[in-house]
């Protein structure tokens, strides 16, 4: 089964799972709302666990709003 890499090109093999589950910061996405949401996620390990749900809800809401804007 062919898989697609981040450039959209087929890889011809199995996906690289060596970093599966690892959160990797690749750089800005070009969308300020998405970048800000990612910063909240990347900062979670420095925040108390009890704040994680609120952070995820905030990110989820911001991304939903951004998607809705794109559909207009």
Protein backbone atom coordinates (compact mmCIF):
# COMPACT_ATOMS: atom_id res chain seq x y z
CA UNK A 1 0.00 0.00 0.00
CA UNK A 2 1.40 3.40 -0.97
CA UNK A 3 1.43 6.20 1.56
CA UNK A 4 1.71 9.93 0.99
CA UNK A 5 4.46 12.02 2.59
CA UNK A 6 4.09 15.63 3.75
CA UNK A 7 4.78 16.91 0.22
CA UNK A 8 1.95 14.82 -1.23
CA UNK A 9 4.29 12.39 -2.97
CA UNK A 10 3.74 8.66 -2.61
CA UNK A 11 6.37 6.99 -0.44
CA UNK A 12 5.91 3.51 -1.90
CA UNK A 13 6.16 1.83 1.48
CA UNK A 14 4.92 1.77 5.00
CA UNK A 15 4.70 5.05 6.93
CA UNK A 16 7.53 5.95 9.31
CA UNK A 17 6.13 5.26 12.77
CA UNK A 18 9.40 5.75 14.66
CA UNK A 19 8.12 9.06 16.02
CA UNK A 20 4.48 8.03 16.44
CA UNK A 21 2.87 9.74 19.39
CA UNK A 22 5.65 12.31 19.65
CA UNK A 23 4.56 15.94 19.51
CA UNK A 24 6.89 17.75 17.11
CA UNK A 25 6.87 21.48 16.49
CA UNK A 26 7.53 21.98 12.78
CA UNK A 27 7.12 25.74 12.65
CA UNK A 28 4.38 28.21 11.87
CA UNK A 29 1.41 27.09 9.81
CA UNK A 30 0.78 30.47 8.26
CA UNK A 31 -2.52 30.83 10.10
CA UNK A 32 -2.31 32.89 13.28
CA UNK A 33 -5.30 31.20 14.96
CA UNK A 34 -3.89 27.73 14.30
CA UNK A 35 -0.40 28.77 15.44
CA UNK A 36 -1.80 30.19 18.68
CA UNK A 37 -3.80 27.00 19.27
CA UNK A 38 -0.67 24.90 18.73
CA UNK A 39 1.27 27.03 21.20
CA UNK A 40 -1.35 26.25 23.86
CA UNK A 41 -0.96 22.52 23.11
CA UNK A 42 2.87 22.68 23.13
CA UNK A 43 2.76 24.48 26.50
CA UNK A 44 0.54 21.88 28.20
CA UNK A 45 3.39 19.97 29.82
CA UNK A 46 4.29 23.07 31.84
CA UNK A 47 0.72 23.50 33.10
CA UNK A 48 -1.02 21.58 35.89
CA UNK A 49 -3.07 18.62 34.71
CA UNK A 50 -6.29 20.20 36.00
CA UNK A 51 -5.85 22.99 33.41
CA UNK A 52 -5.55 20.63 30.43
CA UNK A 53 -9.29 20.16 29.85
CA UNK A 54 -9.87 23.91 29.78
CA UNK A 55 -6.95 24.36 27.39
CA UNK A 56 -8.24 21.63 25.04
CA UNK A 57 -11.74 23.13 25.10
CA UNK A 58 -10.31 26.55 24.26
CA UNK A 59 -8.22 25.16 21.40
CA UNK A 60 -11.14 23.12 20.08
CA UNK A 61 -13.41 26.19 20.09
CA UNK A 62 -10.80 28.38 18.38
CA UNK A 63 -10.19 25.81 15.65
CA UNK A 64 -13.92 25.25 15.10
CA UNK A 65 -14.40 29.01 14.72
CA UNK A 66 -11.49 29.18 12.27
CA UNK A 67 -12.92 26.35 10.18
CA UNK A 68 -16.32 28.05 10.13
CA UNK A 69 -14.68 31.27 8.88
CA UNK A 70 -13.10 29.33 6.02
CA UNK A 71 -16.48 28.03 4.88
CA UNK A 72 -17.94 31.50 4.36
